[in-house]
Amino acid sequence: MGWRDAWFYSTSEGSHYKMIQHHIGKHLTEDQRKQWIHLLIETADELALPNDPEFRSAFMAYIEWGTRLALINSNLDEIAVGENEPMPKWGWGVPGGPYVAS
C-alpha cells in the first residue's frame, strides 16, 4: 500500500481495525520495516515535503511509531483492537503515546 492508497483508505472507509487486518499474519521483519522507512523518506523528498528540522522530526516520529506498530501487528495471529477503534491521528505533538502491551 503506497502513501496515496493509505491516504485515500484512511479518509474514506478505513478504520484502525481494518488497517490492522492488512498486517495480521504477514510476519514482517525488522529489515522490511527499515526498507519501508527508507522508501517513505525517498517519497517525502521526491514530493518536496518540508525539509525543516521540526517537520522532519515529527514526520520521522510518526513513521517510527507506525512502522513499529505494523511490525508488532504483523506478528500476531488475531486483532487486538475493537472494530470501532478509530484510526490514529497524526499531529505535531506526540504521535500516539507510549506503547502498552496487552
PDB file of N, CA and C in Angstrom:
ATOM      1  N   MET A   1       0.851  -1.166   0.000  1.00  0.00           N
ATOM      2  CA  MET A   1       0.000   0.000   0.000  1.00  0.00           C
ATOM      3  C   MET A   1       0.898   1.231   0.000  1.00  0.00           C
ATOM      4  N   GLY A   2       0.780   2.079  -1.010  1.00  0.00           N
ATOM      5  CA  GLY A   2       1.551   3.307  -1.093  1.00  0.00           C
ATOM      6  C   GLY A   2       0.915   4.416  -0.269  1.00  0.00           C
ATOM      7  N   TRP A   3       1.600   5.563  -0.182  1.00  0.00           N
ATOM      8  CA  TRP A   3       1.103   6.659   0.655  1.00  0.00           C
ATOM      9  C   TRP A   3      -0.237   7.168   0.151  1.00  0.00           C
ATOM     10  N   ARG A   4      -0.433   7.202  -1.172  1.00  0.00           N
ATOM     11  CA  ARG A   4      -1.721   7.670  -1.704  1.00  0.00           C
ATOM     12  C   ARG A   4      -2.840   6.710  -1.333  1.00  0.00           C
ATOM     13  N   ASP A   5      -2.567   5.414  -1.445  1.00  0.00           N
ATOM     14  CA  ASP A   5      -3.561   4.411  -1.060  1.00  0.00           C
ATOM     15  C   ASP A   5      -3.917   4.548   0.414  1.00  0.00           C
ATOM     16  N   ALA A   6      -2.895   4.735   1.252  1.00  0.00           N
ATOM     17  CA  ALA A   6      -3.133   4.879   2.690  1.00  0.00           C
ATOM     18  C   ALA A   6      -3.959   6.126   2.975  1.00  0.00           C
ATOM     19  N   TRP A   7      -3.668   7.240   2.272  1.00  0.00           N
ATOM     20  CA  TRP A   7      -4.415   8.468   2.497  1.00  0.00           C
ATOM     21  C   TRP A   7      -5.881   8.284   2.090  1.00  0.00           C
ATOM     22  N   PHE A   8      -6.108   7.753   0.893  1.00  0.00           N
ATOM     23  CA  PHE A   8      -7.481   7.532   0.447  1.00  0.00           C
ATOM     24  C   PHE A   8      -8.197   6.542   1.355  1.00  0.00           C
ATOM     25  N   TYR A   9      -7.474   5.509   1.762  1.00  0.00           N
ATOM     26  CA  TYR A   9      -8.044   4.494   2.655  1.00  0.00           C
ATOM     27  C   TYR A   9      -8.488   5.124   3.970  1.00  0.00           C
ATOM     28  N   SER A  10      -7.616   5.902   4.586  1.00  0.00           N
ATOM     29  CA  SER A  10      -7.925   6.452   5.908  1.00  0.00           C
ATOM     30  C   SER A  10      -8.931   7.597   5.852  1.00  0.00           C
ATOM     31  N   THR A  11      -9.133   8.205   4.683  1.00  0.00           N
ATOM     32  CA  THR A  11     -10.114   9.287   4.580  1.00  0.00           C
ATOM     33  C   THR A  11     -11.447   8.816   4.022  1.00  0.00           C
ATOM     34  N   SER A  12     -11.546   7.538   3.646  1.00  0.00           N
ATOM     35  CA  SER A  12     -12.817   7.043   3.118  1.00  0.00           C
ATOM     36  C   SER A  12     -13.439   6.060   4.100  1.00  0.00           C
ATOM     37  N   GLU A  13     -13.249   4.781   3.877  1.00  0.00           N
ATOM     38  CA  GLU A  13     -13.908   3.769   4.703  1.00  0.00           C
ATOM     39  C   GLU A  13     -12.960   3.083   5.671  1.00  0.00           C
ATOM     40  N   GLY A  14     -11.772   3.587   5.814  1.00  0.00           N
ATOM     41  CA  GLY A  14     -10.776   2.932   6.643  1.00  0.00           C
ATOM     42  C   GLY A  14     -11.063   3.041   8.128  1.00  0.00           C
ATOM     43  N   SER A  15     -10.590   2.064   8.844  1.00  0.00           N
ATOM     44  CA  SER A  15     -10.636   2.081  10.299  1.00  0.00           C
ATOM     45  C   SER A  15      -9.333   1.480  10.786  1.00  0.00           C
ATOM     46  N   HIS A  16      -9.021   1.723  12.037  1.00  0.00           N
ATOM     47  CA  HIS A  16      -7.810   1.150  12.605  1.00  0.00           C
ATOM     48  C   HIS A  16      -7.894  -0.376  12.554  1.00  0.00           C
ATOM     49  N   TYR A  17      -9.054  -0.914  12.849  1.00  0.00           N
ATOM     50  CA  TYR A  17      -9.289  -2.353  12.815  1.00  0.00           C
ATOM     51  C   TYR A  17      -9.001  -2.913  11.418  1.00  0.00           C
ATOM     52  N   LYS A  18      -9.531  -2.254  10.379  1.00  0.00           N
ATOM     53  CA  LYS A  18      -9.319  -2.738   9.007  1.00  0.00           C
ATOM     54  C   LYS A  18      -7.860  -2.599   8.588  1.00  0.00           C
ATOM     55  N   MET A  19      -7.187  -1.541   9.054  1.00  0.00           N
ATOM     56  CA  MET A  19      -5.781  -1.366   8.718  1.00  0.00           C
ATOM     57  C   MET A  19      -4.960  -2.493   9.341  1.00  0.00           C
ATOM     58  N   ILE A  20      -5.255  -2.845  10.594  1.00  0.00           N
ATOM     59  CA  ILE A  20      -4.536  -3.921  11.251  1.00  0.00           C
ATOM     60  C   ILE A  20      -4.776  -5.247  10.527  1.00  0.00           C
ATOM     61  N   GLN A  21      -5.980  -5.432   9.981  1.00  0.00           N
ATOM     62  CA  GLN A  21      -6.267  -6.663   9.230  1.00  0.00           C
ATOM     63  C   GLN A  21      -5.279  -6.862   8.080  1.00  0.00           C
ATOM     64  N   HIS A  22      -4.801  -5.764   7.509  1.00  0.00           N
ATOM     65  CA  HIS A  22      -3.850  -5.855   6.399  1.00  0.00           C
ATOM     66  C   HIS A  22      -2.482  -6.371   6.864  1.00  0.00           C
ATOM     67  N   HIS A  23      -2.193  -6.232   8.163  1.00  0.00           N
ATOM     68  CA  HIS A  23      -0.879  -6.619   8.672  1.00  0.00           C
ATOM     69  C   HIS A  23      -0.859  -7.974   9.373  1.00  0.00           C
ATOM     70  N   ILE A  24      -1.991  -8.398   9.926  1.00  0.00           N
ATOM     71  CA  ILE A  24      -2.046  -9.647  10.695  1.00  0.00           C
ATOM     72  C   ILE A  24      -1.485 -10.817   9.884  1.00  0.00           C
ATOM     73  N   GLY A  25      -0.586 -11.555  10.505  1.00  0.00           N
ATOM     74  CA  GLY A  25      -0.047 -12.765   9.891  1.00  0.00           C
ATOM     75  C   GLY A  25       0.953 -12.553   8.766  1.00  0.00           C
ATOM     76  N   LYS A  26       1.348 -11.313   8.485  1.00  0.00           N
ATOM     77  CA  LYS A  26       2.309 -11.060   7.395  1.00  0.00           C
ATOM     78  C   LYS A  26       3.743 -11.356   7.839  1.00  0.00           C
ATOM     79  N   HIS A  27       3.965 -11.386   9.131  1.00  0.00           N
ATOM     80  CA  HIS A  27       5.280 -11.704   9.706  1.00  0.00           C
ATOM     81  C   HIS A  27       6.385 -10.832   9.105  1.00  0.00           C
ATOM     82  N   LEU A  28       6.166  -9.516   9.159  1.00  0.00           N
ATOM     83  CA  LEU A  28       7.169  -8.572   8.678  1.00  0.00           C
ATOM     84  C   LEU A  28       8.425  -8.675   9.542  1.00  0.00           C
ATOM     85  N   THR A  29       9.547  -8.350   8.934  1.00  0.00           N
ATOM     86  CA  THR A  29      10.824  -8.384   9.642  1.00  0.00           C
ATOM     87  C   THR A  29      11.303  -6.965   9.910  1.00  0.00           C
ATOM     88  N   GLU A  30      12.283  -6.851  10.785  1.00  0.00           N
ATOM     89  CA  GLU A  30      12.883  -5.547  11.058  1.00  0.00           C
ATOM     90  C   GLU A  30      13.530  -4.974   9.795  1.00  0.00           C
ATOM     91  N   ASP A  31      14.149  -5.813   8.987  1.00  0.00           N
ATOM     92  CA  ASP A  31      14.754  -5.334   7.732  1.00  0.00           C
ATOM     93  C   ASP A  31      13.689  -4.776   6.787  1.00  0.00           C
ATOM     94  N   GLN A  32      12.532  -5.430   6.703  1.00  0.00           N
ATOM     95  CA  GLN A  32      11.446  -4.928   5.859  1.00  0.00           C
ATOM     96  C   GLN A  32      10.919  -3.600   6.396  1.00  0.00           C
ATOM     97  N   ARG A  33      10.809  -3.476   7.717  1.00  0.00           N
ATOM     98  CA  ARG A  33      10.360  -2.221   8.320  1.00  0.00           C
ATOM     99  C   ARG A  33      11.320  -1.097   7.963  1.00  0.00           C
ATOM    100  N   LYS A  34      12.613  -1.353   8.080  1.00  0.00           N
ATOM    101  CA  LYS A  34      13.620  -0.334   7.763  1.00  0.00           C
ATOM    102  C   LYS A  34      13.580   0.041   6.281  1.00  0.00           C
ATOM    103  N   GLN A  35      13.361  -0.922   5.399  1.00  0.00           N
ATOM    104  CA  GLN A  35      13.264  -0.640   3.966  1.00  0.00           C
ATOM    105  C   GLN A  35      12.044   0.221   3.669  1.00  0.00           C
ATOM    106  N   TRP A  36      10.923  -0.054   4.345  1.00  0.00           N
ATOM    107  CA  TRP A  36       9.704   0.737   4.169  1.00  0.00           C
ATOM    108  C   TRP A  36       9.965   2.180   4.592  1.00  0.00           C
ATOM    109  N   ILE A  37      10.672   2.369   5.708  1.00  0.00           N
ATOM    110  CA  ILE A  37      11.024   3.722   6.163  1.00  0.00           C
ATOM    111  C   ILE A  37      11.864   4.417   5.105  1.00  0.00           C
ATOM    112  N   HIS A  38      12.850   3.712   4.572  1.00  0.00           N
ATOM    113  CA  HIS A  38      13.706   4.275   3.530  1.00  0.00           C
ATOM    114  C   HIS A  38      12.872   4.744   2.334  1.00  0.00           C
ATOM    115  N   LEU A  39      11.919   3.918   1.910  1.00  0.00           N
ATOM    116  CA  LEU A  39      11.065   4.283   0.774  1.00  0.00           C
ATOM    117  C   LEU A  39      10.170   5.485   1.106  1.00  0.00           C
ATOM    118  N   LEU A  40       9.673   5.556   2.325  1.00  0.00           N
ATOM    119  CA  LEU A  40       8.845   6.698   2.724  1.00  0.00           C
ATOM    120  C   LEU A  40       9.651   7.992   2.733  1.00  0.00           C
ATOM    121  N   ILE A  41      10.888   7.939   3.194  1.00  0.00           N
ATOM    122  CA  ILE A  41      11.750   9.127   3.202  1.00  0.00           C
ATOM    123  C   ILE A  41      12.064   9.562   1.774  1.00  0.00           C
ATOM    124  N   GLU A  42      12.380   8.602   0.910  1.00  0.00           N
ATOM    125  CA  GLU A  42      12.621   8.937  -0.505  1.00  0.00           C
ATOM    126  C   GLU A  42      11.397   9.585  -1.132  1.00  0.00           C
ATOM    127  N   THR A  43      10.221   9.061  -0.825  1.00  0.00           N
ATOM    128  CA  THR A  43       8.974   9.618  -1.357  1.00  0.00           C
ATOM    129  C   THR A  43       8.757  11.034  -0.840  1.00  0.00           C
ATOM    130  N   ALA A  44       9.014  11.254   0.447  1.00  0.00           N
ATOM    131  CA  ALA A  44       8.874  12.600   1.024  1.00  0.00           C
ATOM    132  C   ALA A  44       9.794  13.576   0.305  1.00  0.00           C
ATOM    133  N   ASP A  45      11.019  13.150   0.010  1.00  0.00           N
ATOM    134  CA  ASP A  45      11.958  14.012  -0.709  1.00  0.00           C
ATOM    135  C   ASP A  45      11.480  14.278  -2.138  1.00  0.00           C
ATOM    136  N   GLU A  46      11.009  13.234  -2.826  1.00  0.00           N
ATOM    137  CA  GLU A  46      10.528  13.396  -4.203  1.00  0.00           C
ATOM    138  C   GLU A  46       9.318  14.320  -4.269  1.00  0.00           C
ATOM    139  N   LEU A  47       8.472  14.273  -3.240  1.00  0.00           N
ATOM    140  CA  LEU A  47       7.284  15.130  -3.205  1.00  0.00           C
ATOM    141  C   LEU A  47       7.589  16.515  -2.669  1.00  0.00           C
ATOM    142  N   ALA A  48       8.837  16.736  -2.308  1.00  0.00           N
ATOM    143  CA  ALA A  48       9.296  18.014  -1.759  1.00  0.00           C
ATOM    144  C   ALA A  48       8.512  18.410  -0.504  1.00  0.00           C
ATOM    145  N   LEU A  49       8.286  17.409   0.367  1.00  0.00           N
ATOM    146  CA  LEU A  49       7.691  17.745   1.663  1.00  0.00           C
ATOM    147  C   LEU A  49       8.661  18.653   2.403  1.00  0.00           C
ATOM    148  N   PRO A  50       8.169  19.430   3.354  1.00  0.00           N
ATOM    149  CA  PRO A  50       9.064  20.353   4.056  1.00  0.00           C
ATOM    150  C   PRO A  50      10.323  19.664   4.570  1.00  0.00           C
ATOM    151  N   ASN A  51      11.429  20.381   4.509  1.00  0.00           N
ATOM    152  CA  ASN A  51      12.721  19.824   4.885  1.00  0.00           C
ATOM    153  C   ASN A  51      13.241  20.423   6.190  1.00  0.00           C
ATOM    154  N   ASP A  52      12.408  21.236   6.852  1.00  0.00           N
ATOM    155  CA  ASP A  52      12.878  21.853   8.088  1.00  0.00           C
ATOM    156  C   ASP A  52      12.954  20.815   9.208  1.00  0.00           C
ATOM    157  N   PRO A  53      13.827  21.030  10.191  1.00  0.00           N
ATOM    158  CA  PRO A  53      14.037  20.033  11.248  1.00  0.00           C
ATOM    159  C   PRO A  53      12.776  19.686  12.035  1.00  0.00           C
ATOM    160  N   GLU A  54      11.930  20.662  12.304  1.00  0.00           N
ATOM    161  CA  GLU A  54      10.726  20.396  13.090  1.00  0.00           C
ATOM    162  C   GLU A  54       9.779  19.454  12.354  1.00  0.00           C
ATOM    163  N   PHE A  55       9.548  19.730  11.070  1.00  0.00           N
ATOM    164  CA  PHE A  55       8.660  18.870  10.295  1.00  0.00           C
ATOM    165  C   PHE A  55       9.242  17.465  10.184  1.00  0.00           C
ATOM    166  N   ARG A  56      10.507  17.385   9.784  1.00  0.00           N
ATOM    167  CA  ARG A  56      11.112  16.065   9.577  1.00  0.00           C
ATOM    168  C   ARG A  56      11.186  15.275  10.881  1.00  0.00           C
ATOM    169  N   SER A  57      11.381  15.942  11.995  1.00  0.00           N
ATOM    170  CA  SER A  57      11.400  15.256  13.277  1.00  0.00           C
ATOM    171  C   SER A  57      10.035  14.644  13.588  1.00  0.00           C
ATOM    172  N   ALA A  58       8.973  15.432  13.385  1.00  0.00           N
ATOM    173  CA  ALA A  58       7.618  14.926  13.626  1.00  0.00           C
ATOM    174  C   ALA A  58       7.279  13.818  12.630  1.00  0.00           C
ATOM    175  N   PHE A  59       7.664  13.990  11.374  1.00  0.00           N
ATOM    176  CA  PHE A  59       7.420  13.002  10.331  1.00  0.00           C
ATOM    177  C   PHE A  59       8.110  11.676  10.676  1.00  0.00           C
ATOM    178  N   MET A  60       9.368  11.753  11.081  1.00  0.00           N
ATOM    179  CA  MET A  60      10.110  10.546  11.437  1.00  0.00           C
ATOM    180  C   MET A  60       9.538   9.874  12.679  1.00  0.00           C
ATOM    181  N   ALA A  61       9.092  10.679  13.638  1.00  0.00           N
ATOM    182  CA  ALA A  61       8.480  10.101  14.840  1.00  0.00           C
ATOM    183  C   ALA A  61       7.245   9.303  14.459  1.00  0.00           C
ATOM    184  N   TYR A  62       6.435   9.856  13.562  1.00  0.00           N
ATOM    185  CA  TYR A  62       5.226   9.161  13.127  1.00  0.00           C
ATOM    186  C   TYR A  62       5.565   7.880  12.367  1.00  0.00           C
ATOM    187  N   ILE A  63       6.546   7.963  11.479  1.00  0.00           N
ATOM    188  CA  ILE A  63       6.951   6.795  10.701  1.00  0.00           C
ATOM    189  C   ILE A  63       7.486   5.699  11.621  1.00  0.00           C
ATOM    190  N   GLU A  64       8.325   6.070  12.566  1.00  0.00           N
ATOM    191  CA  GLU A  64       8.860   5.082  13.520  1.00  0.00           C
ATOM    192  C   GLU A  64       7.725   4.437  14.302  1.00  0.00           C
ATOM    193  N   TRP A  65       6.827   5.260  14.810  1.00  0.00           N
ATOM    194  CA  TRP A  65       5.698   4.772  15.604  1.00  0.00           C
ATOM    195  C   TRP A  65       4.828   3.823  14.787  1.00  0.00           C
ATOM    196  N   GLY A  66       4.439   4.259  13.599  1.00  0.00           N
ATOM    197  CA  GLY A  66       3.541   3.473  12.758  1.00  0.00           C
ATOM    198  C   GLY A  66       4.153   2.174  12.274  1.00  0.00           C
ATOM    199  N   THR A  67       5.425   2.224  11.864  1.00  0.00           N
ATOM    200  CA  THR A  67       6.053   1.002  11.350  1.00  0.00           C
ATOM    201  C   THR A  67       6.319  -0.006  12.457  1.00  0.00           C
ATOM    202  N   ARG A  68       6.579   0.478  13.648  1.00  0.00           N
ATOM    203  CA  ARG A  68       6.788  -0.453  14.762  1.00  0.00           C
ATOM    204  C   ARG A  68       5.471  -1.123  15.153  1.00  0.00           C
ATOM    205  N   LEU A  69       4.366  -0.368  15.105  1.00  0.00           N
ATOM    206  CA  LEU A  69       3.057  -0.975  15.359  1.00  0.00           C
ATOM    207  C   LEU A  69       2.711  -1.991  14.273  1.00  0.00           C
ATOM    208  N   ALA A  70       3.004  -1.655  13.021  1.00  0.00           N
ATOM    209  CA  ALA A  70       2.745  -2.600  11.920  1.00  0.00           C
ATOM    210  C   ALA A  70       3.560  -3.879  12.113  1.00  0.00           C
ATOM    211  N   LEU A  71       4.815  -3.742  12.529  1.00  0.00           N
ATOM    212  CA  LEU A  71       5.662  -4.906  12.766  1.00  0.00           C
ATOM    213  C   LEU A  71       5.070  -5.781  13.868  1.00  0.00           C
ATOM    214  N   ILE A  72       4.646  -5.157  14.953  1.00  0.00           N
ATOM    215  CA  ILE A  72       4.031  -5.902  16.058  1.00  0.00           C
ATOM    216  C   ILE A  72       2.766  -6.602  15.576  1.00  0.00           C
ATOM    217  N   ASN A  73       1.872  -5.855  14.910  1.00  0.00           N
ATOM    218  CA  ASN A  73       0.599  -6.428  14.453  1.00  0.00           C
ATOM    219  C   ASN A  73       0.800  -7.529  13.420  1.00  0.00           C
ATOM    220  N   SER A  74       1.842  -7.415  12.601  1.00  0.00           N
ATOM    221  CA  SER A  74       2.074  -8.424  11.567  1.00  0.00           C
ATOM    222  C   SER A  74       2.485  -9.767  12.152  1.00  0.00           C
ATOM    223  N   ASN A  75       2.937  -9.762  13.383  1.00  0.00           N
ATOM    224  CA  ASN A  75       3.376 -10.996  14.018  1.00  0.00           C
ATOM    225  C   ASN A  75       2.363 -11.536  15.016  1.00  0.00           C
ATOM    226  N   LEU A  76       1.146 -10.999  14.979  1.00  0.00           N
ATOM    227  CA  LEU A  76       0.053 -11.502  15.803  1.00  0.00           C
ATOM    228  C   LEU A  76      -0.818 -12.444  14.974  1.00  0.00           C
ATOM    229  N   ASP A  77      -1.548 -13.298  15.657  1.00  0.00           N
ATOM    230  CA  ASP A  77      -2.463 -14.208  14.977  1.00  0.00           C
ATOM    231  C   ASP A  77      -3.899 -13.697  14.976  1.00  0.00           C
ATOM    232  N   GLU A  78      -4.187 -12.699  15.833  1.00  0.00           N
ATOM    233  CA  GLU A  78      -5.523 -12.108  15.863  1.00  0.00           C
ATOM    234  C   GLU A  78      -5.430 -10.631  16.200  1.00  0.00           C
ATOM    235  N   ILE A  79      -6.467  -9.893  15.845  1.00  0.00           N
ATOM    236  CA  ILE A  79      -6.501  -8.445  16.042  1.00  0.00           C
ATOM    237  C   ILE A  79      -6.778  -8.128  17.507  1.00  0.00           C
ATOM    238  N   ALA A  80      -5.986  -7.206  18.052  1.00  0.00           N
ATOM    239  CA  ALA A  80      -6.077  -6.879  19.480  1.00  0.00           C
ATOM    240  C   ALA A  80      -6.871  -5.604  19.753  1.00  0.00           C
ATOM    241  N   VAL A  81      -7.534  -5.029  18.738  1.00  0.00           N
ATOM    242  CA  VAL A  81      -8.358  -3.829  18.934  1.00  0.00           C
ATOM    243  C   VAL A  81      -9.778  -4.112  18.473  1.00  0.00           C
ATOM    244  N   GLY A  82     -10.723  -3.328  18.989  1.00  0.00           N
ATOM    245  CA  GLY A  82     -12.119  -3.484  18.602  1.00  0.00           C
ATOM    246  C   GLY A  82     -12.393  -2.955  17.208  1.00  0.00           C
ATOM    247  N   GLU A  83     -13.510  -3.397  16.617  1.00  0.00           N
ATOM    248  CA  GLU A  83     -13.868  -2.995  15.252  1.00  0.00           C
ATOM    249  C   GLU A  83     -14.118  -1.497  15.123  1.00  0.00           C
ATOM    250  N   ASN A  84     -14.498  -0.834  16.194  1.00  0.00           N
ATOM    251  CA  ASN A  84     -14.802   0.599  16.138  1.00  0.00           C
ATOM    252  C   ASN A  84     -13.649   1.472  16.611  1.00  0.00           C
ATOM    253  N   GLU A  85     -12.481   0.882  16.774  1.00  0.00           N
ATOM    254  CA  GLU A  85     -11.298   1.634  17.197  1.00  0.00           C
ATOM    255  C   GLU A  85     -10.978   2.677  16.125  1.00  0.00           C
ATOM    256  N   PRO A  86     -10.864   3.963  16.509  1.00  0.00           N
ATOM    257  CA  PRO A  86     -10.585   4.987  15.498  1.00  0.00           C
ATOM    258  C   PRO A  86      -9.163   4.889  14.961  1.00  0.00           C
ATOM    259  N   MET A  87      -8.981   5.345  13.738  1.00  0.00           N
ATOM    260  CA  MET A  87      -7.659   5.393  13.123  1.00  0.00           C
ATOM    261  C   MET A  87      -6.814   6.396  13.908  1.00  0.00           C
ATOM    262  N   PRO A  88      -5.589   6.045  14.279  1.00  0.00           N
ATOM    263  CA  PRO A  88      -4.740   7.016  14.983  1.00  0.00           C
ATOM    264  C   PRO A  88      -4.564   8.281  14.147  1.00  0.00           C
ATOM    265  N   LYS A  89      -4.538   9.422  14.797  1.00  0.00           N
ATOM    266  CA  LYS A  89      -4.381  10.709  14.113  1.00  0.00           C
ATOM    267  C   LYS A  89      -2.980  11.244  14.351  1.00  0.00           C
ATOM    268  N   TRP A  90      -2.423  11.846  13.339  1.00  0.00           N
ATOM    269  CA  TRP A  90      -1.105  12.440  13.458  1.00  0.00           C
ATOM    270  C   TRP A  90      -1.233  13.930  13.674  1.00  0.00           C
ATOM    271  N   GLY A  91      -0.451  14.466  14.576  1.00  0.00           N
ATOM    272  CA  GLY A  91      -0.366  15.897  14.808  1.00  0.00           C
ATOM    273  C   GLY A  91       1.091  16.271  14.977  1.00  0.00           C
ATOM    274  N   TRP A  92       1.335  17.494  15.346  1.00  0.00           N
ATOM    275  CA  TRP A  92       2.705  17.951  15.520  1.00  0.00           C
ATOM    276  C   TRP A  92       3.273  17.541  16.871  1.00  0.00           C
ATOM    277  N   GLY A  93       2.422  17.021  17.750  1.00  0.00           N
ATOM    278  CA  GLY A  93       2.892  16.621  19.070  1.00  0.00           C
ATOM    279  C   GLY A  93       3.270  15.156  19.083  1.00  0.00           C
ATOM    280  N   VAL A  94       3.152  14.552  20.253  1.00  0.00           N
ATOM    281  CA  VAL A  94       3.466  13.137  20.404  1.00  0.00           C
ATOM    282  C   VAL A  94       2.507  12.338  19.536  1.00  0.00           C
ATOM    283  N   PRO A  95       3.011  11.448  18.646  1.00  0.00           N
ATOM    284  CA  PRO A  95       2.146  10.791  17.686  1.00  0.00           C
ATOM    285  C   PRO A  95       1.129   9.816  18.257  1.00  0.00           C
ATOM    286  N   GLY A  96       1.386   9.183  19.376  1.00  0.00           N
ATOM    287  CA  GLY A  96       0.411   8.220  19.830  1.00  0.00           C
ATOM    288  C   GLY A  96       0.562   7.808  21.275  1.00  0.00           C
ATOM    289  N   GLY A  97       1.456   8.396  21.987  1.00  0.00           N
ATOM    290  CA  GLY A  97       1.671   7.995  23.357  1.00  0.00           C
ATOM    291  C   GLY A  97       2.481   6.717  23.424  1.00  0.00           C
ATOM    292  N   PRO A  98       2.857   6.335  24.611  1.00  0.00           N
ATOM    293  CA  PRO A  98       3.699   5.135  24.749  1.00  0.00           C
ATOM    294  C   PRO A  98       2.925   3.869  24.423  1.00  0.00           C
ATOM    295  N   TYR A  99       3.616   2.905  23.854  1.00  0.00           N
ATOM    296  CA  TYR A  99       3.013   1.622  23.557  1.00  0.00           C
ATOM    297  C   TYR A  99       2.843   0.843  24.860  1.00  0.00           C
ATOM    298  N   VAL A 100       1.661   0.280  25.053  1.00  0.00           N
ATOM    299  CA  VAL A 100       1.396  -0.532  26.224  1.00  0.00           C
ATOM    300  C   VAL A 100       0.977  -1.917  25.730  1.00  0.00           C
ATOM    301  N   ALA A 101       1.771  -2.922  26.059  1.00  0.00           N
ATOM    302  CA  ALA A 101       1.453  -4.284  25.640  1.00  0.00           C
ATOM    303  C   ALA A 101       0.216  -4.780  26.344  1.00  0.00           C
ATOM    304  N   SER A 102      -0.616  -5.536  25.624  1.00  0.00           N
ATOM    305  CA  SER A 102      -1.851  -6.082  26.216  1.00  0.00           C
ATOM    306  C   SER A 102      -1.539  -7.246  27.121  1.00  0.00           C
TER     307      SER A 102
END
